[in-house]
Protein backbone atom coordinates (compact mmCIF):
# COMPACT_ATOMS: atom_id res chain seq x y z
CA ALA A 1 155.52 24.79 128.52
CA ALA A 2 154.92 21.67 130.34
CA ALA A 3 151.39 19.70 130.45
CA ASP A 4 148.99 18.46 132.34
CA VAL A 5 147.47 15.29 131.08
CA ASP A 6 145.04 13.97 132.32
CA THR A 7 141.96 10.87 131.13
CA MET A 8 138.30 10.31 132.62
CA GLY A 9 137.55 6.65 132.40
CA SER A 10 134.10 5.48 130.67
CA LEU A 11 131.57 3.25 133.02
CA SER A 12 131.09 1.51 130.06
CA ALA A 13 131.54 -2.59 130.76
CA ALA A 14 134.06 -3.12 128.08
CA ALA A 15 136.00 0.01 129.59
CA SER A 16 135.59 -1.83 133.13
CA GLU A 17 137.27 -5.31 132.21
CA ALA A 18 140.13 -3.66 130.60
CA LEU A 19 140.93 -2.03 133.01
CA PRO A 20 140.77 -1.06 136.74
CA PRO A 21 137.78 1.51 138.51
CA PHE A 22 139.96 4.84 137.96
CA HIS A 23 140.27 6.91 141.24
CA TYR A 24 140.22 10.34 140.47
CA PRO A 25 141.56 12.83 143.04
CA PRO A 26 138.96 14.77 144.82
CA ALA A 27 138.69 18.10 144.12
CA ARG A 28 137.45 20.53 147.29
CA ARG A 29 134.42 22.26 146.47
CA ASP A 30 133.33 25.55 148.17
CA GLU A 31 129.99 26.38 147.78
CA SER A 32 129.97 29.78 149.34
CA VAL A 33 131.98 31.02 146.18
CA ILE A 34 128.92 32.67 144.06
CA ASP A 35 128.96 35.54 141.34
CA ASP A 36 126.05 37.71 140.76
CA TYR A 37 126.00 38.59 136.81
CA HIS A 38 122.93 41.04 135.82
CA GLY A 39 121.19 39.45 138.48
CA VAL A 40 121.99 36.19 137.18
CA ARG A 41 123.34 34.15 140.36
CA VAL A 42 126.48 31.40 138.89
CA ALA A 43 128.24 29.17 141.52
CA ASP A 44 131.84 28.76 141.31
CA PRO A 45 133.01 26.12 143.58
CA TYR A 46 136.73 26.13 142.35
CA ARG A 47 137.94 29.11 142.65
CA TRP A 48 140.25 28.07 144.25
CA LEU A 49 141.93 26.27 141.10
CA GLU A 50 142.41 30.30 139.47
CA ASP A 51 145.70 30.62 141.35
CA PRO A 52 148.73 28.22 139.66
CA ASP A 53 151.03 28.75 142.48
CA ALA A 54 149.09 27.99 145.62
CA GLU A 55 150.03 23.81 147.00
CA GLU A 56 146.92 23.19 146.48
CA VAL A 57 146.84 23.70 143.04
CA LYS A 58 149.69 22.13 142.63
CA GLU A 59 149.02 18.82 144.18
CA PHE A 60 145.77 18.90 142.47
CA VAL A 61 147.75 18.91 139.45
CA GLU A 62 150.60 16.73 140.33
CA ARG A 63 147.97 14.11 141.39
CA GLN A 64 146.41 14.15 137.86
CA GLY A 65 149.25 13.35 136.69
CA ALA A 66 150.16 10.44 138.41
CA LEU A 67 146.42 8.94 137.78
CA THR A 68 147.67 10.05 134.02
CA ASP A 69 150.41 8.47 134.11
CA SER A 70 149.03 5.16 135.77
CA VAL A 71 147.00 4.83 132.44
CA LEU A 72 149.64 5.41 129.68
CA ALA A 73 151.67 2.06 131.67
CA ARG A 74 149.00 -0.10 130.94
CA CYS A 75 149.28 1.15 126.36
CA GLU A 76 151.35 -1.58 125.33
CA GLU A 77 151.72 0.09 122.29
CA ARG A 78 152.65 3.38 123.42
CA GLU A 79 156.54 3.10 123.13
CA ARG A 80 156.01 1.37 119.53
CA LEU A 81 153.62 4.75 118.04
CA ARG A 82 155.93 6.77 119.90
CA ARG A 83 159.22 5.52 118.40
CA GLN A 84 156.71 5.99 114.76
CA ILE A 85 155.98 8.82 115.48
CA THR A 86 159.61 10.12 116.41
CA ALA A 87 160.01 9.10 112.88
CA PHE A 88 157.31 10.20 111.11
CA PHE A 89 159.23 14.07 112.50
CA ASP A 90 163.24 13.02 111.63
CA HIS A 91 163.46 15.28 108.78
CA PRO A 92 164.78 18.37 108.04
CA ARG A 93 162.51 21.41 107.48
CA TYR A 94 163.65 25.03 106.34
CA SER A 95 161.28 28.67 106.44
CA THR A 96 161.63 30.99 103.46
CA PRO A 97 164.62 32.61 102.95
CA PHE A 98 164.52 36.61 103.84
CA LYS A 99 166.85 39.12 102.14
CA ARG A 100 168.29 42.52 103.34
CA ARG A 101 171.30 44.38 101.74
CA GLY A 102 172.71 40.46 99.95
CA LYS A 103 172.46 38.52 102.64
CA TYR A 104 169.78 35.62 103.45
CA PHE A 105 168.75 34.63 106.49
CA TYR A 106 166.52 31.39 107.07
CA TYR A 107 165.43 29.26 109.98
CA HIS A 108 166.72 25.58 109.97
CA ASN A 109 165.26 22.38 112.35
CA THR A 110 167.27 19.57 111.56
CA GLY A 111 164.36 16.84 112.64
CA LEU A 112 163.38 16.59 116.28
CA GLN A 113 165.22 20.45 117.29
CA ALA A 114 162.98 21.23 119.89
CA GLN A 115 163.12 25.38 118.41
CA SER A 116 164.66 25.89 115.04
CA VAL A 117 167.75 27.37 114.13
CA LEU A 118 168.35 30.92 112.55
CA TYR A 119 171.22 30.89 110.09
CA VAL A 120 172.95 33.75 107.56
CA GLN A 121 174.51 33.02 104.53
CA LYS A 122 176.24 35.76 102.31
CA ASP A 123 174.24 33.75 98.68
CA LEU A 124 172.12 31.23 98.30
CA ASP A 125 175.55 29.13 97.11
CA GLY A 126 177.38 30.18 100.16
CA GLU A 127 177.95 28.68 103.21
CA ALA A 128 175.36 29.37 105.61
CA GLU A 129 176.38 30.03 109.81
CA VAL A 130 174.85 29.90 112.78
CA LEU A 131 173.63 33.19 114.28
CA LEU A 132 171.61 32.75 116.61
CA ASP A 133 170.54 29.41 118.57
CA PRO A 134 167.16 29.13 120.79
CA ASN A 135 168.17 25.46 121.78
CA ILE A 136 171.00 27.21 123.99
CA LEU A 137 168.97 30.09 125.70
CA SER A 138 168.24 27.83 128.68
CA GLU A 139 168.65 23.94 129.89
CA ASP A 140 165.10 23.32 130.39
CA GLY A 141 163.56 25.20 126.62
CA THR A 142 161.43 27.40 128.50
CA ILE A 143 162.80 30.46 126.80
CA ALA A 144 161.98 30.36 123.15
CA LEU A 145 162.46 32.79 120.55
CA SER A 146 159.07 34.83 119.29
CA ILE A 147 160.29 37.42 117.06
CA ALA A 148 163.05 38.69 115.28
CA SER A 149 163.69 41.21 112.77
CA VAL A 150 166.93 42.59 110.44
CA SER A 151 167.86 45.59 109.97
CA LYS A 152 167.54 46.90 106.49
CA ASP A 153 171.40 47.32 105.96
CA GLY A 154 171.86 44.23 106.98
CA GLN A 155 173.89 45.04 110.16
CA TYR A 156 171.95 44.38 113.29
CA LEU A 157 169.23 41.73 114.29
CA ALA A 158 166.61 42.68 117.38
CA TYR A 159 165.03 39.52 118.65
CA GLY A 160 162.37 38.90 120.71
CA LEU A 161 162.58 36.04 124.12
CA SER A 162 159.74 34.81 125.24
CA LYS A 163 159.57 32.38 129.04
CA SER A 164 157.39 29.35 130.37
CA GLY A 165 154.81 30.08 127.15
CA SER A 166 154.29 33.95 127.96
CA ASP A 167 152.93 36.55 125.50
CA TRP A 168 154.97 39.00 127.00
CA VAL A 169 159.00 39.86 125.16
CA THR A 170 162.14 40.83 126.30
CA ILE A 171 164.12 42.21 122.85
CA LYS A 172 167.54 42.16 122.46
CA VAL A 173 169.66 43.06 119.76
CA ILE A 174 172.83 41.64 118.25
CA ARG A 175 175.68 42.47 115.69
CA ILE A 176 175.47 40.40 112.60
CA ASP A 177 179.10 40.03 111.67
CA ASP A 178 180.36 39.15 114.93
CA LYS A 179 177.79 38.62 117.40
CA THR A 180 178.35 40.57 119.97
CA PRO A 181 175.51 41.62 121.72
CA GLU A 182 174.49 45.12 122.11
CA SER A 183 173.74 46.56 125.58
CA ASP A 184 170.03 47.87 125.35
CA THR A 185 167.09 45.66 126.47
CA ILE A 186 163.21 46.25 126.26
CA SER A 187 161.18 44.38 128.78
CA TRP A 188 157.61 43.98 128.48
CA VAL A 189 156.76 44.02 125.43
CA ARG A 190 153.45 43.32 123.75
CA VAL A 191 152.73 46.13 121.54
CA ILE A 192 153.73 46.10 118.00
CA LEU A 193 156.13 48.66 116.48
CA TYR A 194 155.57 49.38 111.97
CA SER A 195 158.65 51.38 111.20
CA THR A 196 158.53 53.05 107.28
CA HIS A 197 160.78 55.68 105.43
CA PHE A 198 160.47 58.68 107.91
CA PHE A 199 157.20 57.38 109.55
CA ALA A 200 156.78 54.77 112.40
CA LEU A 201 153.28 52.65 113.17
CA LEU A 202 151.98 51.75 116.45
CA HIS A 203 149.45 49.19 116.52
CA ILE A 204 147.64 48.38 119.79
CA THR A 205 145.54 44.96 120.81
CA GLU A 206 143.17 43.57 123.32
CA GLY A 207 143.21 39.96 124.21
CA CYS A 208 142.99 38.24 120.58
CA ASP A 209 139.77 39.75 118.69
CA PRO A 210 141.33 40.87 115.60
CA VAL A 211 141.44 44.58 116.05
CA ASN A 212 144.23 46.98 117.14
CA LYS A 213 144.01 50.41 117.50
CA LEU A 214 145.97 52.13 114.68
CA TYR A 215 148.96 55.62 116.01
CA TYR A 216 151.67 56.75 113.76
CA CYS A 217 154.42 59.42 114.78
CA ASP A 218 156.53 61.36 111.71
CA LEU A 219 159.68 61.17 112.12
CA TYR A 220 160.98 63.41 109.25
CA SER A 221 159.17 66.06 111.73
CA LEU A 222 161.19 65.41 115.26
CA PRO A 223 164.10 67.96 115.08
CA ASN A 224 166.73 66.37 116.16
CA GLY A 225 165.54 63.13 115.00
CA LEU A 226 165.22 59.89 116.67
CA GLU A 227 168.72 60.81 118.04
CA GLY A 228 166.89 63.21 119.61
CA PHE A 229 165.42 61.12 122.25
CA ARG A 230 167.79 58.43 123.36
CA ARG A 231 169.10 60.22 126.87
CA SER A 232 165.04 61.63 127.55
CA ASN A 233 162.49 60.37 129.14
CA GLU A 234 160.18 61.75 126.61
CA MET A 235 157.61 59.85 124.75
CA LEU A 236 157.38 60.17 120.89
CA PRO A 237 154.62 62.16 120.23
CA PHE A 238 152.68 59.50 118.29
CA VAL A 239 148.74 61.05 116.03
CA LYS A 240 146.08 58.72 116.56
CA LEU A 241 144.94 57.45 113.57
CA VAL A 242 142.20 54.64 114.62
CA ASP A 243 141.56 55.31 117.94
CA ASN A 244 139.28 52.74 118.98
CA PHE A 245 139.13 48.46 118.83
CA GLU A 246 136.68 47.95 116.18
CA ALA A 247 138.70 46.32 113.29
CA ARG A 248 142.03 45.62 112.16
CA TYR A 249 144.53 47.16 110.21
CA SER A 250 148.22 46.24 108.83
CA ALA A 251 150.53 48.27 107.25
CA VAL A 252 151.48 46.79 103.93
CA ALA A 253 153.19 49.95 101.89
CA ASN A 254 153.61 53.83 102.34
CA ASP A 255 154.87 56.38 99.75
CA ASP A 256 155.48 59.47 101.86
CA SER A 257 152.59 59.87 103.77
CA GLU A 258 150.27 58.01 101.81
CA PHE A 259 149.79 54.12 103.02
CA THR A 260 147.90 50.89 101.73
CA PHE A 261 146.51 48.77 104.70
CA LEU A 262 144.97 44.88 105.32
CA THR A 263 141.82 45.62 107.31
CA ASN A 264 138.58 43.62 108.04
CA LYS A 265 137.27 47.18 108.60
CA GLU A 266 133.11 46.54 107.08
CA ALA A 267 134.69 43.37 105.26
CA PRO A 268 134.68 39.94 106.94
CA LYS A 269 136.85 38.05 103.97
CA ARG A 270 139.50 41.45 104.30
CA LYS A 271 139.97 44.42 101.51
CA LEU A 272 143.26 46.43 100.91
CA VAL A 273 142.50 50.46 101.72
CA ARG A 274 144.28 53.46 100.96
CA VAL A 275 144.77 56.62 103.33
CA ASP A 276 146.82 59.89 103.03
CA LEU A 277 147.91 60.46 106.84
CA LYS A 278 147.88 64.66 105.64
CA GLU A 279 143.75 63.94 105.19
CA PRO A 280 143.14 60.58 108.16
CA ASP A 281 139.29 61.13 107.27
CA MET A 282 139.19 59.92 103.65
CA TRP A 283 139.90 55.91 102.88
CA THR A 284 139.92 54.54 99.33
CA ASP A 285 139.09 50.88 99.04
CA ILE A 286 142.11 49.41 96.46
CA LEU A 287 141.39 46.31 96.04
CA PRO A 288 137.50 45.65 97.77
CA GLU A 289 136.26 42.79 99.82
CA HIS A 290 135.85 39.57 97.45
CA LYS A 291 132.85 37.75 97.50
CA LYS A 292 133.70 34.77 98.47
CA ASP A 293 137.52 34.86 98.69
CA VAL A 294 139.09 35.51 101.99
CA LEU A 295 142.26 38.20 101.36
CA GLU A 296 144.56 35.95 104.01
CA SER A 297 148.02 38.82 102.95
CA ALA A 298 149.33 41.08 100.91
CA TYR A 299 153.10 42.08 100.80
CA ALA A 300 154.37 44.77 98.43
CA VAL A 301 156.79 43.18 96.02
CA ASN A 302 158.32 44.44 93.07
CA GLY A 303 158.91 48.32 93.20
CA ASN A 304 155.26 49.19 93.14
CA GLN A 305 153.49 45.46 93.10
CA ILE A 306 151.34 43.86 95.51
CA LEU A 307 151.68 39.93 96.01
CA VAL A 308 147.69 39.10 97.14
CA CYS A 309 147.18 35.47 98.89
CA TYR A 310 143.41 34.66 98.75
CA LEU A 311 142.02 31.66 100.41
CA SER A 312 139.68 30.46 97.27
CA ASP A 313 137.66 26.71 98.30
CA VAL A 314 140.13 25.84 100.70
CA LYS A 315 142.87 26.51 98.72
CA HIS A 316 145.09 29.36 98.18
CA ILE A 317 145.96 31.26 95.20
CA LEU A 318 148.41 33.89 94.44
CA GLN A 319 148.16 36.62 92.44
CA ILE A 320 150.43 39.87 91.76
CA ARG A 321 148.15 43.18 91.41
CA ASP A 322 149.30 46.88 90.38
CA MET A 323 150.00 49.16 93.85
CA SER A 324 148.16 52.48 92.74
CA THR A 325 145.22 50.80 91.07
CA GLY A 326 144.70 47.50 91.98
CA ASP A 327 144.25 45.36 89.21
CA LEU A 328 145.15 42.41 88.67
CA LEU A 329 149.03 41.79 86.58
CA HIS A 330 148.80 37.78 86.32
CA CYS A 331 148.18 35.08 88.74
CA LEU A 332 150.77 32.56 89.91
CA PRO A 333 150.81 29.11 89.04
CA LEU A 334 150.25 27.33 92.26
CA ASP A 335 148.90 23.07 93.16
CA VAL A 336 146.20 22.43 95.52
CA GLY A 337 147.42 22.90 99.00
CA SER A 338 148.32 25.86 101.19
CA VAL A 339 150.77 28.89 101.32
CA SER A 340 152.68 28.50 105.19
CA GLY A 341 154.81 31.59 104.06
CA ILE A 342 155.56 34.43 102.00
CA SER A 343 158.87 36.06 102.20
CA ALA A 344 158.69 39.44 99.80
CA ARG A 345 159.85 42.25 100.10
CA ARG A 346 158.89 45.92 97.75
CA GLU A 347 162.83 46.61 96.81
CA ASN A 348 163.27 43.02 96.21
CA SER A 349 161.57 41.30 92.70
CA GLU A 350 162.72 38.09 93.91
CA ILE A 351 160.28 36.29 96.14
CA PHE A 352 160.07 32.81 98.34
CA ILE A 353 157.10 30.95 99.15
CA SER A 354 156.52 28.04 101.32
CA PHE A 355 154.23 25.92 100.57
CA THR A 356 152.59 22.36 101.98
CA SER A 357 149.40 20.17 100.41
CA PHE A 358 148.42 16.58 100.68
CA LEU A 359 151.33 15.24 98.73
CA SER A 360 153.88 17.25 100.57
CA PRO A 361 155.29 18.63 104.07
CA GLY A 362 156.88 21.26 102.59
CA ILE A 363 157.97 23.12 99.33
CA ILE A 364 159.78 26.25 99.18
CA TYR A 365 159.18 27.68 95.53
CA ARG A 366 161.86 30.47 94.22
CA CYS A 367 159.91 33.34 91.93
CA ASN A 368 161.52 36.43 89.87
CA LEU A 369 158.65 38.62 89.35
CA ALA A 370 161.33 40.76 87.03
CA THR A 371 160.91 38.56 84.15
CA GLU A 372 158.60 38.32 81.77
CA VAL A 373 157.45 34.79 82.50
CA GLN A 374 156.46 34.41 86.02
CA GLU A 375 158.13 30.68 86.84
CA MET A 376 158.09 29.00 90.33
CA LYS A 377 161.12 27.12 90.76
CA ILE A 378 161.79 24.81 93.33
CA PHE A 379 164.10 26.42 95.84
CA ARG A 380 164.09 23.26 98.56
CA GLU A 381 161.81 21.10 99.35
CA ILE A 382 160.85 18.84 102.55
CA SER A 383 161.39 14.98 101.58
CA VAL A 384 159.91 12.27 104.28
CA PRO A 385 161.63 8.83 103.47
CA GLY A 386 159.82 6.06 101.64
CA PHE A 387 157.11 8.18 100.20
CA ASP A 388 157.58 9.46 96.64
CA ARG A 389 155.16 12.29 96.33
CA THR A 390 155.44 11.95 91.90
CA GLU A 391 153.14 8.80 92.64
CA PHE A 392 150.15 10.50 93.46
CA ASP A 393 147.39 13.17 91.95
CA VAL A 394 145.66 15.64 94.19
CA LYS A 395 142.32 16.36 92.54
CA GLN A 396 139.91 19.03 94.16
CA SER A 397 135.79 18.32 93.25
CA ILE A 398 133.73 20.79 95.67
CA THR A 399 129.78 21.81 95.21
CA GLU A 400 127.63 24.49 96.03
CA ILE A 401 125.89 22.08 98.89
CA TYR A 402 129.50 21.13 100.34
CA ILE A 403 130.10 25.15 100.54
CA ARG A 404 126.96 26.09 102.17
CA SER A 405 127.16 22.98 104.78
CA LEU A 406 130.59 24.12 105.82
CA THR A 407 128.38 27.93 106.08
CA ALA A 408 126.25 26.10 108.23
CA PHE A 409 128.13 24.05 110.04
CA GLN A 410 130.31 27.32 110.65
CA HIS A 411 127.32 28.47 112.25
CA MET A 412 125.91 26.20 114.30
CA TYR A 413 129.28 25.59 115.80
CA MET A 414 130.02 29.29 116.65
CA LEU A 415 126.43 29.24 118.09
CA VAL A 416 127.31 25.83 120.74
CA PHE A 417 130.93 28.26 120.95
CA ARG A 418 128.85 30.21 123.19
CA TYR A 419 127.41 27.82 126.06
CA SER A 420 130.34 27.62 128.46
CA PRO A 421 130.62 23.29 129.05
CA LEU A 422 131.69 24.01 132.58
CA HIS A 423 128.33 25.02 133.54
CA ASN A 424 126.80 21.95 130.85
CA ILE A 425 128.15 19.34 132.49
CA LYS A 426 125.70 16.23 133.88
CA ARG A 427 125.25 12.92 134.56
CA PRO A 428 125.07 11.46 131.19
CA TRP A 429 121.72 9.58 132.53
CA GLU A 430 120.33 12.29 133.55
CA LYS A 431 120.31 13.25 129.93
CA SER A 432 117.22 13.26 127.77
CA SER A 433 118.87 10.69 125.43
CA GLY A 434 118.00 8.08 127.80
CA PRO A 435 120.25 6.13 129.98
CA SER A 436 122.56 4.28 126.90
CA CYS A 437 124.26 7.91 126.69
CA GLN A 438 127.81 8.20 128.01
CA TYR A 439 130.96 10.67 127.86
CA PRO A 440 133.59 9.05 125.96
CA PRO A 441 137.09 8.81 127.51
CA THR A 442 138.94 12.08 126.89
CA MET A 443 142.33 13.01 127.87
CA LEU A 444 142.63 16.80 128.49
CA LEU A 445 145.66 18.83 127.74
CA THR A 446 146.98 22.05 128.69
CA ALA A 447 150.01 23.94 129.80
CA ASP A 448 150.90 24.85 133.35
CA HIS A 449 152.13 28.24 132.80
CA ASP A 450 150.06 30.39 129.90
CA ASP A 451 148.68 34.23 131.13
CA ARG A 452 146.28 34.44 127.77
CA VAL A 453 144.96 31.31 127.67
CA VAL A 454 145.22 29.76 131.30
CA PRO A 455 145.24 26.24 132.29
CA LEU A 456 142.38 27.00 134.78
CA HIS A 457 139.82 25.96 132.56
CA SER A 458 141.18 22.88 132.45
CA LEU A 459 141.61 22.30 136.06
CA LYS A 460 138.11 23.23 136.59
CA LEU A 461 136.56 21.45 133.96
CA LEU A 462 138.35 18.74 135.41
CA ALA A 463 137.30 19.21 139.03
CA VAL A 464 133.54 19.01 138.00
CA SER A 465 133.47 16.23 135.59
CA TYR A 466 134.77 14.58 138.75
CA SER A 467 132.01 15.56 140.67
CA ILE A 468 129.63 14.00 138.61
CA TYR A 469 131.29 10.72 139.35
CA LEU A 470 132.19 10.73 143.13
């Protein structure tokens, strides 16, 4: 999505000598708009900025861009910085490969491509070919590849496209061998369907909170299977398993009607639980919540094992555990850093791990869990020109005092976050800290179309900020 940029100038003497006074575009105030929230009257004089398609709003945004361009044009170092930053980003990048029926799939960006391209190859040593290039889906680059999934038999690719940063997705299907598109298209998709052997799970989310409802459909019980619904308007007979927005549930694996889920139900640092759909009221903890580490993800691998990723003391650790009991089998060796991607399947012993650290923008490890000793072998590594990571070493030093300070800071941040900046802007010289208080020069960035975090928040903040100077 395009970005609207605006800059507010400082009133300091140094700033006024460097730049002439800014002429902020005035914003119309409508003093008649007042809301009543449980007896508290809240004025909203810039309600008109909530409509991004209104001509008055478009003009307001264009004038912000013009003001910003006039300021940035005076920055002599801007072009040099642009060239240097571009050079830093201009290096090839790869995603973790994933395997379906003997074929490997991965995303690759040559360096400066707007979106990574999806490739397919018959084996890791074979020649890769482009399967889907999202960069050619639209001339202006507003169509993005949001999701993609390969069928278990490796014959079909289902992929979701979103336009102009929207959360709504249109799903299309192509044949992988000849890239022939199928006629079926699903529009306005915003729910997640997880298909397993004989079951389909439906995840329904609400907003951005880490919660979801959970329903299931026993496909094996359907008289004619899914084919019976092909030309029917009937709904699949989904059964509720979790019918409230109290926690998040993500399916990890299932054996017939017995499912393993990753959840934050009564466990902020998350845990693994198991439930049999035949006894939906009986939930059992398989891997209880850790006292201090956060369970970020879990994957069924190598038959009856689970690969879990914990965030421990601001670094990631990987463990292999028994799926039935949750018992620890062994840990995978990993340097201090972050796991940015995991590719693992229950039917495969081979896994791929994407890793980043202070010394590397990206390493992809390959590990075979079927061997007696699991080795994390480098499969691909992103190299940055002029930098050799072997010349450096990373050591971690963390104390209880730091952990307590971090926790206190997070608590304080959440407390401050509850207060709306829009309704707490005051003239600097009216603040209790004295006349020397001054807002720093500030640049606001916002997408011009976003149906989740709409630009009206930034536009209103701009209008209110301008009002204190005009």
